[in-house]
Amino acid sequence: IDEGIREEVLASLPPEVLADAVRELDSDDVVDLIEDLEE
């Protein structure tokens, strides 16, 4: 998903869904996913 709307998408997902989604990612993909997000 484009970075411009990624934060909006992540904010709309339940925490448990988001947790399951990121567990299956390699570390570089997790870094790319969160580096531009708010703390």
PDB file of all heavy atoms in Angstrom:
ATOM      1  N   ILE A   1       0.836  -1.199   0.000  1.00  0.00           N
ATOM      2  CA  ILE A   1       0.000   0.000   0.000  1.00  0.00           C
ATOM      3  C   ILE A   1       0.871   1.249   0.000  1.00  0.00           C
ATOM      4  O   ILE A   1       1.878   1.333   0.699  1.00  0.00           O
ATOM      5  CB  ILE A   1      -0.950  -0.004   1.217  1.00  0.00           C
ATOM      6  CG1 ILE A   1      -1.968  -1.142   1.068  1.00  0.00           C
ATOM      7  CG2 ILE A   1      -1.674   1.326   1.360  1.00  0.00           C
ATOM      8  CD1 ILE A   1      -2.859  -1.320   2.273  1.00  0.00           C
ATOM      9  N   ASP A   2       0.467   2.240  -0.780  1.00  0.00           N
ATOM     10  CA  ASP A   2       1.207   3.495  -0.879  1.00  0.00           C
ATOM     11  C   ASP A   2       1.337   4.161   0.492  1.00  0.00           C
ATOM     12  O   ASP A   2       0.394   4.153   1.297  1.00  0.00           O
ATOM     13  CB  ASP A   2       0.489   4.440  -1.852  1.00  0.00           C
ATOM     14  CG  ASP A   2       1.274   5.706  -2.098  1.00  0.00           C
ATOM     15  OD1 ASP A   2       2.190   5.691  -2.953  1.00  0.00           O
ATOM     16  OD2 ASP A   2       0.988   6.723  -1.429  1.00  0.00           O
ATOM     17  N   GLU A   3       2.510   4.735   0.744  1.00  0.00           N
ATOM     18  CA  GLU A   3       2.770   5.344   2.051  1.00  0.00           C
ATOM     19  C   GLU A   3       1.789   6.454   2.391  1.00  0.00           C
ATOM     20  O   GLU A   3       1.527   6.724   3.560  1.00  0.00           O
ATOM     21  CB  GLU A   3       4.200   5.898   2.081  1.00  0.00           C
ATOM     22  CG  GLU A   3       5.274   4.815   2.028  1.00  0.00           C
ATOM     23  CD  GLU A   3       6.677   5.402   1.985  1.00  0.00           C
ATOM     24  OE1 GLU A   3       6.789   6.640   2.109  1.00  0.00           O
ATOM     25  OE2 GLU A   3       7.639   4.634   1.823  1.00  0.00           O
ATOM     26  N   GLY A   4       1.230   7.099   1.344  1.00  0.00           N
ATOM     27  CA  GLY A   4       0.318   8.213   1.584  1.00  0.00           C
ATOM     28  C   GLY A   4      -0.940   7.825   2.339  1.00  0.00           C
ATOM     29  O   GLY A   4      -1.515   8.658   3.057  1.00  0.00           O
ATOM     30  N   ILE A   5      -1.402   6.568   2.186  1.00  0.00           N
ATOM     31  CA  ILE A   5      -2.621   6.140   2.885  1.00  0.00           C
ATOM     32  C   ILE A   5      -2.358   4.978   3.839  1.00  0.00           C
ATOM     33  O   ILE A   5      -3.284   4.485   4.470  1.00  0.00           O
ATOM     34  CB  ILE A   5      -3.721   5.737   1.882  1.00  0.00           C
ATOM     35  CG1 ILE A   5      -3.273   4.526   1.050  1.00  0.00           C
ATOM     36  CG2 ILE A   5      -4.111   6.899   1.006  1.00  0.00           C
ATOM     37  CD1 ILE A   5      -4.374   3.919   0.230  1.00  0.00           C
ATOM     38  N   ARG A   6      -1.104   4.544   3.938  1.00  0.00           N
ATOM     39  CA  ARG A   6      -0.802   3.379   4.772  1.00  0.00           C
ATOM     40  C   ARG A   6      -1.167   3.623   6.233  1.00  0.00           C
ATOM     41  O   ARG A   6      -1.719   2.744   6.901  1.00  0.00           O
ATOM     42  CB  ARG A   6       0.684   3.019   4.644  1.00  0.00           C
ATOM     43  CG  ARG A   6       1.061   1.735   5.372  1.00  0.00           C
ATOM     44  CD  ARG A   6       2.539   1.495   5.274  1.00  0.00           C
ATOM     45  NE  ARG A   6       2.939   1.145   3.920  1.00  0.00           N
ATOM     46  CZ  ARG A   6       4.200   1.106   3.503  1.00  0.00           C
ATOM     47  NH1 ARG A   6       5.177   1.418   4.333  1.00  0.00           N
ATOM     48  NH2 ARG A   6       4.482   0.779   2.261  1.00  0.00           N
ATOM     49  N   GLU A   7      -0.862   4.814   6.723  1.00  0.00           N
ATOM     50  CA  GLU A   7      -1.154   5.116   8.130  1.00  0.00           C
ATOM     51  C   GLU A   7      -2.654   5.052   8.392  1.00  0.00           C
ATOM     52  O   GLU A   7      -3.100   4.544   9.430  1.00  0.00           O
ATOM     53  CB  GLU A   7      -0.609   6.500   8.486  1.00  0.00           C
ATOM     54  CG  GLU A   7      -0.653   6.800   9.972  1.00  0.00           C
ATOM     55  CD  GLU A   7       0.157   8.040  10.334  1.00  0.00           C
ATOM     56  OE1 GLU A   7       0.858   8.565   9.450  1.00  0.00           O
ATOM     57  OE2 GLU A   7       0.063   8.460  11.491  1.00  0.00           O
ATOM     58  N   GLU A   8      -3.452   5.552   7.430  1.00  0.00           N
ATOM     59  CA  GLU A   8      -4.912   5.501   7.567  1.00  0.00           C
ATOM     60  C   GLU A   8      -5.396   4.051   7.612  1.00  0.00           C
ATOM     61  O   GLU A   8      -6.266   3.703   8.420  1.00  0.00           O
ATOM     62  CB  GLU A   8      -5.557   6.225   6.380  1.00  0.00           C
ATOM     63  CG  GLU A   8      -7.069   6.096   6.317  1.00  0.00           C
ATOM     64  CD  GLU A   8      -7.636   6.537   4.976  1.00  0.00           C
ATOM     65  OE1 GLU A   8      -6.948   7.279   4.244  1.00  0.00           O
ATOM     66  OE2 GLU A   8      -8.761   6.132   4.661  1.00  0.00           O
ATOM     67  N   VAL A   9      -4.829   3.195   6.758  1.00  0.00           N
ATOM     68  CA  VAL A   9      -5.230   1.788   6.722  1.00  0.00           C
ATOM     69  C   VAL A   9      -4.866   1.097   8.031  1.00  0.00           C
ATOM     70  O   VAL A   9      -5.677   0.373   8.625  1.00  0.00           O
ATOM     71  CB  VAL A   9      -4.577   1.072   5.526  1.00  0.00           C
ATOM     72  CG1 VAL A   9      -4.841  -0.437   5.590  1.00  0.00           C
ATOM     73  CG2 VAL A   9      -5.101   1.644   4.214  1.00  0.00           C
ATOM     74  N   LEU A  10      -3.650   1.310   8.502  1.00  0.00           N
ATOM     75  CA  LEU A  10      -3.208   0.667   9.743  1.00  0.00           C
ATOM     76  C   LEU A  10      -4.063   1.092  10.924  1.00  0.00           C
ATOM     77  O   LEU A  10      -4.386   0.285  11.799  1.00  0.00           O
ATOM     78  CB  LEU A  10      -1.738   1.000  10.000  1.00  0.00           C
ATOM     79  CG  LEU A  10      -0.724   0.423   9.008  1.00  0.00           C
ATOM     80  CD1 LEU A  10       0.680   0.922   9.332  1.00  0.00           C
ATOM     81  CD2 LEU A  10      -0.752  -1.088   9.020  1.00  0.00           C
ATOM     82  N   ALA A  11      -4.434   2.365  10.942  1.00  0.00           N
ATOM     83  CA  ALA A  11      -5.230   2.876  12.065  1.00  0.00           C
ATOM     84  C   ALA A  11      -6.624   2.263  12.091  1.00  0.00           C
ATOM     85  O   ALA A  11      -7.252   2.198  13.155  1.00  0.00           O
ATOM     86  CB  ALA A  11      -5.330   4.399  11.981  1.00  0.00           C
ATOM     87  N   SER A  12      -7.098   1.802  10.942  1.00  0.00           N
ATOM     88  CA  SER A  12      -8.454   1.248  10.877  1.00  0.00           C
ATOM     89  C   SER A  12      -8.515  -0.238  11.214  1.00  0.00           C
ATOM     90  O   SER A  12      -9.603  -0.798  11.346  1.00  0.00           O
ATOM     91  CB  SER A  12      -9.037   1.470   9.476  1.00  0.00           C
ATOM     92  OG  SER A  12      -8.343   0.690   8.522  1.00  0.00           O
ATOM     93  N   LEU A  13      -7.348  -0.879  11.353  1.00  0.00           N
ATOM     94  CA  LEU A  13      -7.336  -2.321  11.619  1.00  0.00           C
ATOM     95  C   LEU A  13      -7.338  -2.597  13.125  1.00  0.00           C
ATOM     96  O   LEU A  13      -6.641  -1.906  13.881  1.00  0.00           O
ATOM     97  CB  LEU A  13      -6.093  -2.954  10.985  1.00  0.00           C
ATOM     98  CG  LEU A  13      -5.984  -2.884   9.461  1.00  0.00           C
ATOM     99  CD1 LEU A  13      -4.653  -3.496   9.008  1.00  0.00           C
ATOM    100  CD2 LEU A  13      -7.149  -3.611   8.794  1.00  0.00           C
ATOM    101  N   PRO A  14      -8.065  -3.617  13.557  1.00  0.00           N
ATOM    102  CA  PRO A  14      -8.005  -4.008  14.971  1.00  0.00           C
ATOM    103  C   PRO A  14      -6.582  -4.426  15.355  1.00  0.00           C
ATOM    104  O   PRO A  14      -5.858  -4.996  14.525  1.00  0.00           O
ATOM    105  CB  PRO A  14      -8.962  -5.206  15.043  1.00  0.00           C
ATOM    106  CG  PRO A  14      -9.861  -5.066  13.855  1.00  0.00           C
ATOM    107  CD  PRO A  14      -9.022  -4.430  12.787  1.00  0.00           C
ATOM    108  N   PRO A  15      -6.151  -4.166  16.570  1.00  0.00           N
ATOM    109  CA  PRO A  15      -4.777  -4.481  16.982  1.00  0.00           C
ATOM    110  C   PRO A  15      -4.384  -5.933  16.757  1.00  0.00           C
ATOM    111  O   PRO A  15      -3.266  -6.223  16.328  1.00  0.00           O
ATOM    112  CB  PRO A  15      -4.770  -4.131  18.477  1.00  0.00           C
ATOM    113  CG  PRO A  15      -5.842  -3.105  18.626  1.00  0.00           C
ATOM    114  CD  PRO A  15      -6.897  -3.467  17.630  1.00  0.00           C
ATOM    115  N   GLU A  16      -5.325  -6.872  17.016  1.00  0.00           N
ATOM    116  CA  GLU A  16      -4.976  -8.281  16.858  1.00  0.00           C
ATOM    117  C   GLU A  16      -4.777  -8.656  15.392  1.00  0.00           C
ATOM    118  O   GLU A  16      -3.950  -9.500  15.058  1.00  0.00           O
ATOM    119  CB  GLU A  16      -6.043  -9.178  17.497  1.00  0.00           C
ATOM    120  CG  GLU A  16      -7.417  -9.135  16.844  1.00  0.00           C
ATOM    121  CD  GLU A  16      -8.302  -8.002  17.345  1.00  0.00           C
ATOM    122  OE1 GLU A  16      -7.754  -7.097  18.024  1.00  0.00           O
ATOM    123  OE2 GLU A  16      -9.511  -8.030  17.069  1.00  0.00           O
ATOM    124  N   VAL A  17      -5.527  -7.997  14.484  1.00  0.00           N
ATOM    125  CA  VAL A  17      -5.365  -8.249  13.049  1.00  0.00           C
ATOM    126  C   VAL A  17      -4.011  -7.714  12.580  1.00  0.00           C
ATOM    127  O   VAL A  17      -3.275  -8.365  11.829  1.00  0.00           O
ATOM    128  CB  VAL A  17      -6.509  -7.588  12.247  1.00  0.00           C
ATOM    129  CG1 VAL A  17      -6.250  -7.701  10.737  1.00  0.00           C
ATOM    130  CG2 VAL A  17      -7.831  -8.231  12.604  1.00  0.00           C
ATOM    131  N   LEU A  18      -3.691  -6.519  13.037  1.00  0.00           N
ATOM    132  CA  LEU A  18      -2.411  -5.916  12.685  1.00  0.00           C
ATOM    133  C   LEU A  18      -1.250  -6.757  13.212  1.00  0.00           C
ATOM    134  O   LEU A  18      -0.244  -6.964  12.511  1.00  0.00           O
ATOM    135  CB  LEU A  18      -2.350  -4.493  13.261  1.00  0.00           C
ATOM    136  CG  LEU A  18      -1.145  -3.642  12.891  1.00  0.00           C
ATOM    137  CD1 LEU A  18      -1.002  -3.520  11.394  1.00  0.00           C
ATOM    138  CD2 LEU A  18      -1.273  -2.259  13.526  1.00  0.00           C
ATOM    139  N   ALA A  19      -1.400  -7.274  14.400  1.00  0.00           N
ATOM    140  CA  ALA A  19      -0.349  -8.097  15.003  1.00  0.00           C
ATOM    141  C   ALA A  19      -0.115  -9.365  14.180  1.00  0.00           C
ATOM    142  O   ALA A  19       1.027  -9.725  13.883  1.00  0.00           O
ATOM    143  CB  ALA A  19      -0.719  -8.463  16.432  1.00  0.00           C
ATOM    144  N   ASP A  20      -1.198 -10.034  13.792  1.00  0.00           N
ATOM    145  CA  ASP A  20      -1.060 -11.252  12.986  1.00  0.00           C
ATOM    146  C   ASP A  20      -0.427 -10.952  11.631  1.00  0.00           C
ATOM    147  O   ASP A  20       0.360 -11.749  11.103  1.00  0.00           O
ATOM    148  CB  ASP A  20      -2.429 -11.905  12.772  1.00  0.00           C
ATOM    149  CG  ASP A  20      -2.985 -12.534  14.046  1.00  0.00           C
ATOM    150  OD1 ASP A  20      -2.166 -12.814  14.952  1.00  0.00           O
ATOM    151  OD2 ASP A  20      -4.204 -12.731  14.127  1.00  0.00           O
ATOM    152  N   ALA A  21      -0.763  -9.786  11.069  1.00  0.00           N
ATOM    153  CA  ALA A  21      -0.254  -9.434   9.742  1.00  0.00           C
ATOM    154  C   ALA A  21       1.253  -9.211   9.760  1.00  0.00           C
ATOM    155  O   ALA A  21       1.972  -9.661   8.861  1.00  0.00           O
ATOM    156  CB  ALA A  21      -0.970  -8.191   9.209  1.00  0.00           C
ATOM    157  N   VAL A  22       1.763  -8.527  10.786  1.00  0.00           N
ATOM    158  CA  VAL A  22       3.182  -8.174  10.786  1.00  0.00           C
ATOM    159  C   VAL A  22       4.071  -9.335  11.219  1.00  0.00           C
ATOM    160  O   VAL A  22       5.258  -9.355  10.894  1.00  0.00           O
ATOM    161  CB  VAL A  22       3.458  -6.938  11.675  1.00  0.00           C
ATOM    162  CG1 VAL A  22       2.714  -5.721  11.158  1.00  0.00           C
ATOM    163  CG2 VAL A  22       3.096  -7.209  13.123  1.00  0.00           C
ATOM    164  N   ARG A  23       3.507 -10.305  11.926  1.00  0.00           N
ATOM    165  CA  ARG A  23       4.332 -11.434  12.390  1.00  0.00           C
ATOM    166  C   ARG A  23       4.884 -12.246  11.224  1.00  0.00           C
ATOM    167  O   ARG A  23       5.923 -12.895  11.359  1.00  0.00           O
ATOM    168  CB  ARG A  23       3.515 -12.330  13.314  1.00  0.00           C
ATOM    169  CG  ARG A  23       3.304 -11.771  14.715  1.00  0.00           C
ATOM    170  CD  ARG A  23       2.801 -12.831  15.674  1.00  0.00           C
ATOM    171  NE  ARG A  23       2.347 -12.228  16.922  1.00  0.00           N
ATOM    172  CZ  ARG A  23       1.073 -12.026  17.231  1.00  0.00           C
ATOM    173  NH1 ARG A  23       0.133 -12.396  16.380  1.00  0.00           N
ATOM    174  NH2 ARG A  23       0.738 -11.478  18.377  1.00  0.00           N
ATOM    175  N   GLU A  24       4.215 -12.249  10.106  1.00  0.00           N
ATOM    176  CA  GLU A  24       4.634 -13.070   8.975  1.00  0.00           C
ATOM    177  C   GLU A  24       5.610 -12.345   8.043  1.00  0.00           C
ATOM    178  O   GLU A  24       6.042 -12.907   7.048  1.00  0.00           O
ATOM    179  CB  GLU A  24       3.408 -13.509   8.169  1.00  0.00           C
ATOM    180  CG  GLU A  24       2.600 -12.359   7.617  1.00  0.00           C
ATOM    181  CD  GLU A  24       1.241 -12.792   7.086  1.00  0.00           C
ATOM    182  OE1 GLU A  24       0.459 -13.391   7.844  1.00  0.00           O
ATOM    183  OE2 GLU A  24       0.985 -12.519   5.902  1.00  0.00           O
ATOM    184  N   LEU A  25       5.968 -11.107   8.392  1.00  0.00           N
ATOM    185  CA  LEU A  25       6.838 -10.325   7.529  1.00  0.00           C
ATOM    186  C   LEU A  25       8.301 -10.482   7.914  1.00  0.00           C
ATOM    187  O   LEU A  25       8.631 -10.699   9.083  1.00  0.00           O
ATOM    188  CB  LEU A  25       6.457  -8.841   7.607  1.00  0.00           C
ATOM    189  CG  LEU A  25       5.076  -8.444   7.065  1.00  0.00           C
ATOM    190  CD1 LEU A  25       4.823  -6.975   7.342  1.00  0.00           C
ATOM    191  CD2 LEU A  25       4.980  -8.732   5.577  1.00  0.00           C
ATOM    192  N   ASP A  26       9.200 -10.324   6.913  1.00  0.00           N
ATOM    193  CA  ASP A  26      10.629 -10.235   7.190  1.00  0.00           C
ATOM    194  C   ASP A  26      10.917  -8.894   7.852  1.00  0.00           C
ATOM    195  O   ASP A  26      10.135  -7.934   7.733  1.00  0.00           O
ATOM    196  CB  ASP A  26      11.436 -10.370   5.895  1.00  0.00           C
ATOM    197  CG  ASP A  26      11.377 -11.785   5.328  1.00  0.00           C
ATOM    198  OD1 ASP A  26      11.223 -12.724   6.121  1.00  0.00           O
ATOM    199  OD2 ASP A  26      11.481 -11.931   4.090  1.00  0.00           O
ATOM    200  N   SER A  27      12.071  -8.813   8.504  1.00  0.00           N
ATOM    201  CA  SER A  27      12.383  -7.609   9.281  1.00  0.00           C
ATOM    202  C   SER A  27      12.430  -6.351   8.420  1.00  0.00           C
ATOM    203  O   SER A  27      12.017  -5.272   8.854  1.00  0.00           O
ATOM    204  CB  SER A  27      13.714  -7.793  10.015  1.00  0.00           C
ATOM    205  OG  SER A  27      14.770  -8.057   9.097  1.00  0.00           O
ATOM    206  N   ASP A  28      12.937  -6.465   7.181  1.00  0.00           N
ATOM    207  CA  ASP A  28      13.027  -5.279   6.330  1.00  0.00           C
ATOM    208  C   ASP A  28      11.647  -4.754   5.963  1.00  0.00           C
ATOM    209  O   ASP A  28      11.436  -3.542   5.867  1.00  0.00           O
ATOM    210  CB  ASP A  28      13.845  -5.563   5.069  1.00  0.00           C
ATOM    211  CG  ASP A  28      13.244  -6.668   4.217  1.00  0.00           C
ATOM    212  OD1 ASP A  28      12.721  -7.638   4.790  1.00  0.00           O
ATOM    213  OD2 ASP A  28      13.310  -6.571   2.982  1.00  0.00           O
ATOM    214  N   ASP A  29      10.683  -5.663   5.786  1.00  0.00           N
ATOM    215  CA  ASP A  29       9.322  -5.227   5.473  1.00  0.00           C
ATOM    216  C   ASP A  29       8.666  -4.569   6.679  1.00  0.00           C
ATOM    217  O   ASP A  29       7.904  -3.602   6.523  1.00  0.00           O
ATOM    218  CB  ASP A  29       8.485  -6.429   5.011  1.00  0.00           C
ATOM    219  CG  ASP A  29       8.921  -6.953   3.660  1.00  0.00           C
ATOM    220  OD1 ASP A  29       9.323  -6.134   2.818  1.00  0.00           O
ATOM    221  OD2 ASP A  29       8.887  -8.181   3.451  1.00  0.00           O
ATOM    222  N   VAL A  30       8.954  -5.066   7.868  1.00  0.00           N
ATOM    223  CA  VAL A  30       8.410  -4.441   9.077  1.00  0.00           C
ATOM    224  C   VAL A  30       8.981  -3.035   9.232  1.00  0.00           C
ATOM    225  O   VAL A  30       8.254  -2.072   9.540  1.00  0.00           O
ATOM    226  CB  VAL A  30       8.723  -5.284  10.326  1.00  0.00           C
ATOM    227  CG1 VAL A  30       8.167  -4.593  11.577  1.00  0.00           C
ATOM    228  CG2 VAL A  30       8.123  -6.678  10.201  1.00  0.00           C
ATOM    229  N   VAL A  31      10.274  -2.877   9.009  1.00  0.00           N
ATOM    230  CA  VAL A  31      10.907  -1.556   9.100  1.00  0.00           C
ATOM    231  C   VAL A  31      10.271  -0.601   8.095  1.00  0.00           C
ATOM    232  O   VAL A  31       9.939   0.541   8.419  1.00  0.00           O
ATOM    233  CB  VAL A  31      12.425  -1.660   8.855  1.00  0.00           C
ATOM    234  CG1 VAL A  31      13.048  -0.272   8.729  1.00  0.00           C
ATOM    235  CG2 VAL A  31      13.087  -2.415  10.002  1.00  0.00           C
ATOM    236  N   ASP A  32      10.095  -1.061   6.856  1.00  0.00           N
ATOM    237  CA  ASP A  32       9.481  -0.223   5.825  1.00  0.00           C
ATOM    238  C   ASP A  32       8.061   0.161   6.205  1.00  0.00           C
ATOM    239  O   ASP A  32       7.599   1.266   5.909  1.00  0.00           O
ATOM    240  CB  ASP A  32       9.482  -0.970   4.488  1.00  0.00           C
ATOM    241  CG  ASP A  32       8.879  -0.149   3.367  1.00  0.00           C
ATOM    242  OD1 ASP A  32       9.383   0.951   3.095  1.00  0.00           O
ATOM    243  OD2 ASP A  32       7.883  -0.607   2.763  1.00  0.00           O
ATOM    244  N   LEU A  33       7.389  -0.735   6.894  1.00  0.00           N
ATOM    245  CA  LEU A  33       5.993  -0.511   7.269  1.00  0.00           C
ATOM    246  C   LEU A  33       5.851   0.551   8.352  1.00  0.00           C
ATOM    247  O   LEU A  33       4.923   1.364   8.331  1.00  0.00           O
ATOM    248  CB  LEU A  33       5.387  -1.832   7.757  1.00  0.00           C
ATOM    249  CG  LEU A  33       3.870  -1.921   7.910  1.00  0.00           C
ATOM    250  CD1 LEU A  33       3.187  -1.777   6.569  1.00  0.00           C
ATOM    251  CD2 LEU A  33       3.492  -3.247   8.561  1.00  0.00           C
ATOM    252  N   ILE A  34       6.768   0.581   9.304  1.00  0.00           N
ATOM    253  CA  ILE A  34       6.554   1.423  10.485  1.00  0.00           C
ATOM    254  C   ILE A  34       7.433   2.662  10.561  1.00  0.00           C
ATOM    255  O   ILE A  34       7.173   3.538  11.399  1.00  0.00           O
ATOM    256  CB  ILE A  34       6.741   0.610  11.785  1.00  0.00           C
ATOM    257  CG1 ILE A  34       8.221   0.269  12.013  1.00  0.00           C
ATOM    258  CG2 ILE A  34       5.906  -0.643  11.765  1.00  0.00           C
ATOM    259  CD1 ILE A  34       8.462  -0.394  13.357  1.00  0.00           C
ATOM    260  N   GLU A  35       8.441   2.772   9.695  1.00  0.00           N
ATOM    261  CA  GLU A  35       9.414   3.850   9.899  1.00  0.00           C
ATOM    262  C   GLU A  35       8.807   5.248   9.745  1.00  0.00           C
ATOM    263  O   GLU A  35       9.314   6.216  10.308  1.00  0.00           O
ATOM    264  CB  GLU A  35      10.617   3.696   8.964  1.00  0.00           C
ATOM    265  CG  GLU A  35      10.296   3.738   7.490  1.00  0.00           C
ATOM    266  CD  GLU A  35      11.549   3.534   6.638  1.00  0.00           C
ATOM    267  OE1 GLU A  35      12.662   3.629   7.197  1.00  0.00           O
ATOM    268  OE2 GLU A  35      11.414   3.282   5.432  1.00  0.00           O
ATOM    269  N   ASP A  36       7.710   5.377   8.990  1.00  0.00           N
ATOM    270  CA  ASP A  36       7.097   6.688   8.804  1.00  0.00           C
ATOM    271  C   ASP A  36       5.852   6.891   9.660  1.00  0.00           C
ATOM    272  O   ASP A  36       5.145   7.889   9.506  1.00  0.00           O
ATOM    273  CB  ASP A  36       6.724   6.886   7.318  1.00  0.00           C
ATOM    274  CG  ASP A  36       7.947   6.906   6.424  1.00  0.00           C
ATOM    275  OD1 ASP A  36       8.962   7.507   6.839  1.00  0.00           O
ATOM    276  OD2 ASP A  36       7.895   6.328   5.324  1.00  0.00           O
ATOM    277  N   LEU A  37       5.564   5.948  10.555  1.00  0.00           N
ATOM    278  CA  LEU A  37       4.370   6.047  11.390  1.00  0.00           C
ATOM    279  C   LEU A  37       4.658   6.847  12.665  1.00  0.00           C
ATOM    280  O   LEU A  37       5.806   7.016  13.061  1.00  0.00           O
ATOM    281  CB  LEU A  37       3.880   4.645  11.774  1.00  0.00           C
ATOM    282  CG  LEU A  37       3.464   3.712  10.632  1.00  0.00           C
ATOM    283  CD1 LEU A  37       3.033   2.373  11.204  1.00  0.00           C
ATOM    284  CD2 LEU A  37       2.354   4.326   9.800  1.00  0.00           C
ATOM    285  N   GLU A  38       3.577   7.313  13.276  1.00  0.00           N
ATOM    286  CA  GLU A  38       3.712   7.977  14.577  1.00  0.00           C
ATOM    287  C   GLU A  38       4.080   6.936  15.637  1.00  0.00           C
ATOM    288  O   GLU A  38       3.812   5.734  15.488  1.00  0.00           O
ATOM    289  CB  GLU A  38       2.400   8.659  14.952  1.00  0.00           C
ATOM    290  CG  GLU A  38       1.966   9.749  13.987  1.00  0.00           C
ATOM    291  CD  GLU A  38       2.939  10.928  13.971  1.00  0.00           C
ATOM    292  OE1 GLU A  38       3.585  11.166  15.017  1.00  0.00           O
ATOM    293  OE2 GLU A  38       3.055  11.593  12.930  1.00  0.00           O
ATOM    294  N   GLU A  39       4.688   7.391  16.725  1.00  0.00           N
ATOM    295  CA  GLU A  39       5.210   6.480  17.742  1.00  0.00           C
ATOM    296  C   GLU A  39       4.155   5.533  18.325  1.00  0.00           C
ATOM    297  O   GLU A  39       4.435   4.347  18.525  1.00  0.00           O
ATOM    298  CB  GLU A  39       5.875   7.285  18.865  1.00  0.00           C
ATOM    299  CG  GLU A  39       6.610   6.406  19.860  1.00  0.00           C
ATOM    300  CD  GLU A  39       7.437   7.214  20.841  1.00  0.00           C
ATOM    301  OE1 GLU A  39       7.745   8.385  20.537  1.00  0.00           O
ATOM    302  OE2 GLU A  39       7.755   6.678  21.915  1.00  0.00           O
TER     303      GLU A  39
END
